Every structure is written in C-alpha cells, then in structure tokens.
Amino acid sequence: MVDKITTKELMSQKNDFVIIDVRELDELEGGIIEDSIHMPLGLCIRNAKKKQIDDMKDKKICTYCGTGYRGNIAADELNKEGFYAVTLDGGYSAWM
C-alpha cells in the first residue's frame, strides 16, 4: 500500500513533486494536471525497471490516473525501484 496525497495537499505542494500521469493517451482529452508528465502505466514501470528515469530518484513523485487504481500501482512499482512516490487519492476525478 503506497502513501496517498489529497488534492488539497498536492495543490499546496505542487512545486515539490514531479507529477506523472499514468493514464492512456485517449484519456487525456478530459484534461490533465498542469505541468504533469504523461507516462502510461506500462511505460512508467518499464522505465523504472530499465533505469531510464533514475534522474528522478532524488525527487518526490506523485502519480495519478483517472480514479486512483493505476496511480497506486505506478507509485508502488516506483517505490520498489527505489523512488519516493505517492499517489493522488481519487486520481484525476478528485482533482477536478
């Protein structure tokens, strides 16, 4: 179980996090969190395991998806690879 951050907490600490959107490309039409990085779940996990995003290991990461399920998986996998990651509680639907 990964740590969760609320919408209110993320809004107030947004500059402290690298925000990763793990939704699929077609899901972005409904909007995104400004300044987030789009990296679908599978790609996020592969990038972490292949050490392709190790430059983010010194940063705090917040993942999100539509409702929180995939964001939770992404944060868990990132944490297993040595990152500090939390997920947005409720995902993008909570952000809205």
N, C-alpha and C. Protein backbone atom coordinates (compact mmCIF):
# COMPACT_ATOMS: atom_id res chain seq x y z
N MET A 1 0.85 -1.19 0.00
CA MET A 1 0.00 0.00 0.00
C MET A 1 0.89 1.24 0.00
N VAL A 2 0.69 2.11 -0.96
CA VAL A 2 1.50 3.31 -1.05
C VAL A 2 0.82 4.48 -0.33
N ASP A 3 1.61 5.46 0.02
CA ASP A 3 1.06 6.66 0.64
C ASP A 3 0.26 7.44 -0.38
N LYS A 4 -0.80 8.06 0.10
CA LYS A 4 -1.66 8.86 -0.78
C LYS A 4 -1.55 10.32 -0.36
N ILE A 5 -1.77 11.18 -1.34
CA ILE A 5 -1.80 12.61 -1.08
C ILE A 5 -3.15 13.12 -1.56
N THR A 6 -3.75 14.01 -0.80
CA THR A 6 -5.05 14.54 -1.20
C THR A 6 -4.86 15.64 -2.24
N THR A 7 -5.94 15.95 -2.92
CA THR A 7 -5.92 17.03 -3.90
C THR A 7 -5.47 18.33 -3.26
N LYS A 8 -6.01 18.63 -2.09
CA LYS A 8 -5.67 19.87 -1.39
C LYS A 8 -4.18 19.91 -1.05
N GLU A 9 -3.65 18.77 -0.55
CA GLU A 9 -2.22 18.71 -0.21
C GLU A 9 -1.35 18.88 -1.46
N LEU A 10 -1.74 18.21 -2.55
CA LEU A 10 -0.94 18.32 -3.78
C LEU A 10 -0.99 19.73 -4.33
N MET A 11 -2.14 20.37 -4.28
CA MET A 11 -2.24 21.75 -4.78
C MET A 11 -1.29 22.67 -4.02
N SER A 12 -1.19 22.48 -2.72
CA SER A 12 -0.33 23.35 -1.93
C SER A 12 1.15 22.99 -2.01
N GLN A 13 1.45 21.76 -2.45
CA GLN A 13 2.84 21.31 -2.53
C GLN A 13 3.26 20.96 -3.96
N LYS A 14 2.50 21.43 -4.93
CA LYS A 14 2.70 21.03 -6.33
C LYS A 14 4.13 21.21 -6.81
N ASN A 15 4.78 22.27 -6.40
CA ASN A 15 6.15 22.53 -6.86
C ASN A 15 7.18 21.60 -6.24
N ASP A 16 6.77 20.84 -5.22
CA ASP A 16 7.68 19.90 -4.57
C ASP A 16 7.71 18.54 -5.25
N PHE A 17 6.80 18.30 -6.19
CA PHE A 17 6.64 16.98 -6.80
C PHE A 17 6.86 17.00 -8.31
N VAL A 18 7.37 15.88 -8.82
CA VAL A 18 7.26 15.57 -10.24
C VAL A 18 5.95 14.79 -10.33
N ILE A 19 5.02 15.28 -11.13
CA ILE A 19 3.70 14.66 -11.23
C ILE A 19 3.65 13.84 -12.51
N ILE A 20 3.35 12.56 -12.36
CA ILE A 20 3.31 11.65 -13.52
C ILE A 20 1.89 11.17 -13.73
N ASP A 21 1.37 11.42 -14.92
CA ASP A 21 0.04 10.98 -15.35
C ASP A 21 0.20 9.63 -16.02
N VAL A 22 -0.33 8.57 -15.42
CA VAL A 22 -0.15 7.22 -15.95
C VAL A 22 -1.34 6.74 -16.79
N ARG A 23 -2.23 7.66 -17.15
CA ARG A 23 -3.38 7.28 -17.99
C ARG A 23 -2.92 7.06 -19.43
N GLU A 24 -3.79 6.43 -20.20
CA GLU A 24 -3.52 6.23 -21.62
C GLU A 24 -3.79 7.53 -22.38
N LEU A 25 -3.21 7.63 -23.57
CA LEU A 25 -3.28 8.86 -24.37
C LEU A 25 -4.72 9.34 -24.59
N ASP A 26 -5.63 8.42 -24.90
CA ASP A 26 -7.00 8.84 -25.19
C ASP A 26 -7.73 9.39 -23.96
N GLU A 27 -7.21 9.12 -22.77
CA GLU A 27 -7.84 9.62 -21.54
C GLU A 27 -7.48 11.07 -21.26
N LEU A 28 -6.47 11.59 -21.93
CA LEU A 28 -6.00 12.95 -21.65
C LEU A 28 -6.93 14.02 -22.20
N GLU A 29 -7.84 13.63 -23.09
CA GLU A 29 -8.76 14.60 -23.70
C GLU A 29 -9.61 15.31 -22.66
N GLY A 30 -9.87 14.64 -21.52
CA GLY A 30 -10.69 15.24 -20.48
C GLY A 30 -9.94 16.22 -19.61
N GLY A 31 -8.64 16.38 -19.86
CA GLY A 31 -7.83 17.32 -19.11
C GLY A 31 -6.68 16.64 -18.39
N ILE A 32 -5.72 17.46 -17.98
CA ILE A 32 -4.54 16.97 -17.28
C ILE A 32 -4.22 17.93 -16.13
N ILE A 33 -3.39 17.47 -15.22
CA ILE A 33 -2.86 18.37 -14.19
C ILE A 33 -1.71 19.12 -14.84
N GLU A 34 -1.79 20.44 -14.79
CA GLU A 34 -0.79 21.29 -15.42
C GLU A 34 0.63 20.90 -14.98
N ASP A 35 1.54 20.86 -15.94
CA ASP A 35 2.96 20.54 -15.75
C ASP A 35 3.22 19.07 -15.40
N SER A 36 2.22 18.21 -15.56
CA SER A 36 2.45 16.79 -15.31
C SER A 36 3.14 16.16 -16.52
N ILE A 37 3.79 15.04 -16.28
CA ILE A 37 4.47 14.28 -17.33
C ILE A 37 3.59 13.10 -17.68
N HIS A 38 3.29 12.94 -18.97
CA HIS A 38 2.49 11.79 -19.40
C HIS A 38 3.39 10.58 -19.60
N MET A 39 3.13 9.52 -18.84
CA MET A 39 3.90 8.29 -18.94
C MET A 39 2.93 7.15 -18.58
N PRO A 40 2.26 6.55 -19.58
CA PRO A 40 1.30 5.49 -19.28
C PRO A 40 1.88 4.43 -18.35
N LEU A 41 1.02 3.78 -17.60
CA LEU A 41 1.42 2.85 -16.55
C LEU A 41 2.50 1.86 -16.98
N GLY A 42 2.27 1.15 -18.07
CA GLY A 42 3.24 0.15 -18.53
C GLY A 42 4.60 0.77 -18.81
N LEU A 43 4.60 1.92 -19.45
CA LEU A 43 5.85 2.61 -19.77
C LEU A 43 6.54 3.09 -18.50
N CYS A 44 5.78 3.57 -17.56
CA CYS A 44 6.33 4.03 -16.28
C CYS A 44 7.07 2.88 -15.58
N ILE A 45 6.43 1.73 -15.52
CA ILE A 45 7.04 0.57 -14.87
C ILE A 45 8.30 0.14 -15.63
N ARG A 46 8.22 0.06 -16.96
CA ARG A 46 9.39 -0.33 -17.76
C ARG A 46 10.53 0.65 -17.58
N ASN A 47 10.22 1.94 -17.64
CA ASN A 47 11.25 2.97 -17.48
C ASN A 47 11.96 2.85 -16.13
N ALA A 48 11.20 2.57 -15.09
CA ALA A 48 11.78 2.43 -13.75
C ALA A 48 12.67 1.19 -13.68
N LYS A 49 12.17 0.07 -14.20
CA LYS A 49 12.93 -1.18 -14.13
C LYS A 49 14.18 -1.15 -15.00
N LYS A 50 14.12 -0.41 -16.12
CA LYS A 50 15.28 -0.32 -17.02
C LYS A 50 16.20 0.84 -16.67
N LYS A 51 15.93 1.48 -15.52
CA LYS A 51 16.77 2.58 -15.02
C LYS A 51 16.79 3.80 -15.96
N GLN A 52 15.71 3.98 -16.73
CA GLN A 52 15.67 5.08 -17.69
C GLN A 52 15.16 6.39 -17.10
N ILE A 53 14.67 6.34 -15.87
CA ILE A 53 14.22 7.58 -15.21
C ILE A 53 14.91 7.75 -13.86
N ASP A 54 16.09 7.18 -13.73
CA ASP A 54 16.82 7.26 -12.46
C ASP A 54 17.15 8.70 -12.06
N ASP A 55 17.12 9.63 -13.02
CA ASP A 55 17.38 11.03 -12.69
C ASP A 55 16.26 11.61 -11.81
N MET A 56 15.15 10.88 -11.68
CA MET A 56 14.05 11.33 -10.82
C MET A 56 14.15 10.76 -9.40
N LYS A 57 15.17 9.96 -9.13
CA LYS A 57 15.26 9.30 -7.82
C LYS A 57 15.48 10.29 -6.68
N ASP A 58 16.00 11.46 -6.98
CA ASP A 58 16.22 12.45 -5.92
C ASP A 58 15.04 13.41 -5.76
N LYS A 59 13.94 13.10 -6.45
CA LYS A 59 12.76 13.96 -6.40
C LYS A 59 11.59 13.20 -5.79
N LYS A 60 10.62 13.95 -5.28
CA LYS A 60 9.37 13.35 -4.81
C LYS A 60 8.45 13.23 -6.03
N ILE A 61 7.82 12.07 -6.17
CA ILE A 61 6.96 11.80 -7.32
C ILE A 61 5.53 11.59 -6.84
N CYS A 62 4.59 12.15 -7.58
CA CYS A 62 3.18 11.88 -7.36
C CYS A 62 2.61 11.32 -8.66
N THR A 63 2.04 10.13 -8.59
CA THR A 63 1.41 9.52 -9.76
C THR A 63 -0.10 9.73 -9.69
N TYR A 64 -0.73 9.73 -10.86
CA TYR A 64 -2.19 9.76 -10.89
C TYR A 64 -2.72 9.14 -12.16
N CYS A 65 -3.96 8.65 -12.07
CA CYS A 65 -4.68 8.12 -13.22
C CYS A 65 -6.08 8.72 -13.16
N GLY A 66 -7.05 8.02 -13.67
CA GLY A 66 -8.41 8.54 -13.66
C GLY A 66 -9.07 8.51 -12.30
N THR A 67 -8.93 7.37 -11.60
CA THR A 67 -9.62 7.21 -10.33
C THR A 67 -8.71 6.83 -9.17
N GLY A 68 -7.47 6.47 -9.43
CA GLY A 68 -6.53 6.14 -8.38
C GLY A 68 -5.94 4.75 -8.43
N TYR A 69 -6.58 3.82 -9.14
CA TYR A 69 -6.12 2.43 -9.16
C TYR A 69 -4.75 2.28 -9.82
N ARG A 70 -4.62 2.76 -11.05
CA ARG A 70 -3.35 2.63 -11.77
C ARG A 70 -2.27 3.53 -11.17
N GLY A 71 -2.68 4.69 -10.66
CA GLY A 71 -1.73 5.57 -9.99
C GLY A 71 -1.10 4.89 -8.79
N ASN A 72 -1.90 4.12 -8.07
CA ASN A 72 -1.43 3.37 -6.91
C ASN A 72 -0.43 2.30 -7.35
N ILE A 73 -0.73 1.59 -8.41
CA ILE A 73 0.17 0.56 -8.94
C ILE A 73 1.49 1.21 -9.36
N ALA A 74 1.42 2.32 -10.07
CA ALA A 74 2.63 3.01 -10.54
C ALA A 74 3.50 3.44 -9.37
N ALA A 75 2.90 4.06 -8.37
CA ALA A 75 3.67 4.52 -7.20
C ALA A 75 4.30 3.33 -6.48
N ASP A 76 3.57 2.23 -6.36
CA ASP A 76 4.10 1.04 -5.70
C ASP A 76 5.32 0.50 -6.46
N GLU A 77 5.21 0.41 -7.77
CA GLU A 77 6.32 -0.09 -8.58
C GLU A 77 7.52 0.85 -8.52
N LEU A 78 7.27 2.15 -8.53
CA LEU A 78 8.37 3.11 -8.42
C LEU A 78 9.06 2.98 -7.06
N ASN A 79 8.28 2.84 -6.01
CA ASN A 79 8.86 2.67 -4.67
C ASN A 79 9.73 1.41 -4.60
N LYS A 80 9.28 0.34 -5.23
CA LYS A 80 10.06 -0.91 -5.26
C LYS A 80 11.41 -0.72 -5.95
N GLU A 81 11.48 0.25 -6.87
CA GLU A 81 12.71 0.52 -7.61
C GLU A 81 13.56 1.60 -6.95
N GLY A 82 13.17 2.02 -5.75
CA GLY A 82 13.99 2.97 -5.01
C GLY A 82 13.60 4.43 -5.12
N PHE A 83 12.46 4.71 -5.72
CA PHE A 83 11.96 6.09 -5.82
C PHE A 83 11.14 6.42 -4.58
N TYR A 84 10.88 7.72 -4.38
CA TYR A 84 9.92 8.13 -3.37
C TYR A 84 8.67 8.57 -4.11
N ALA A 85 7.64 7.75 -4.07
CA ALA A 85 6.42 8.05 -4.82
C ALA A 85 5.18 7.90 -3.96
N VAL A 86 4.25 8.82 -4.18
CA VAL A 86 2.92 8.76 -3.58
C VAL A 86 1.93 8.82 -4.73
N THR A 87 0.68 8.58 -4.44
CA THR A 87 -0.34 8.67 -5.47
C THR A 87 -1.44 9.64 -5.06
N LEU A 88 -2.05 10.25 -6.04
CA LEU A 88 -3.14 11.20 -5.78
C LEU A 88 -4.39 10.43 -5.42
N ASP A 89 -4.87 10.62 -4.21
CA ASP A 89 -6.06 9.92 -3.73
C ASP A 89 -7.26 10.30 -4.59
N GLY A 90 -7.87 9.30 -5.23
CA GLY A 90 -9.03 9.56 -6.08
C GLY A 90 -8.69 9.90 -7.52
N GLY A 91 -7.41 10.05 -7.83
CA GLY A 91 -6.98 10.31 -9.20
C GLY A 91 -7.46 11.64 -9.75
N TYR A 92 -7.46 11.72 -11.08
CA TYR A 92 -7.81 12.97 -11.74
C TYR A 92 -9.25 13.38 -11.45
N SER A 93 -10.13 12.41 -11.26
CA SER A 93 -11.53 12.76 -10.98
C SER A 93 -11.63 13.55 -9.65
N ALA A 94 -10.76 13.25 -8.69
CA ALA A 94 -10.75 14.02 -7.44
C ALA A 94 -10.15 15.41 -7.67
N TRP A 95 -9.18 15.50 -8.57
CA TRP A 95 -8.55 16.79 -8.88
C TRP A 95 -9.56 17.77 -9.46
N MET A 96 -10.47 17.22 -10.25
CA MET A 96 -11.47 18.08 -10.90
C MET A 96 -12.46 18.57 -9.86
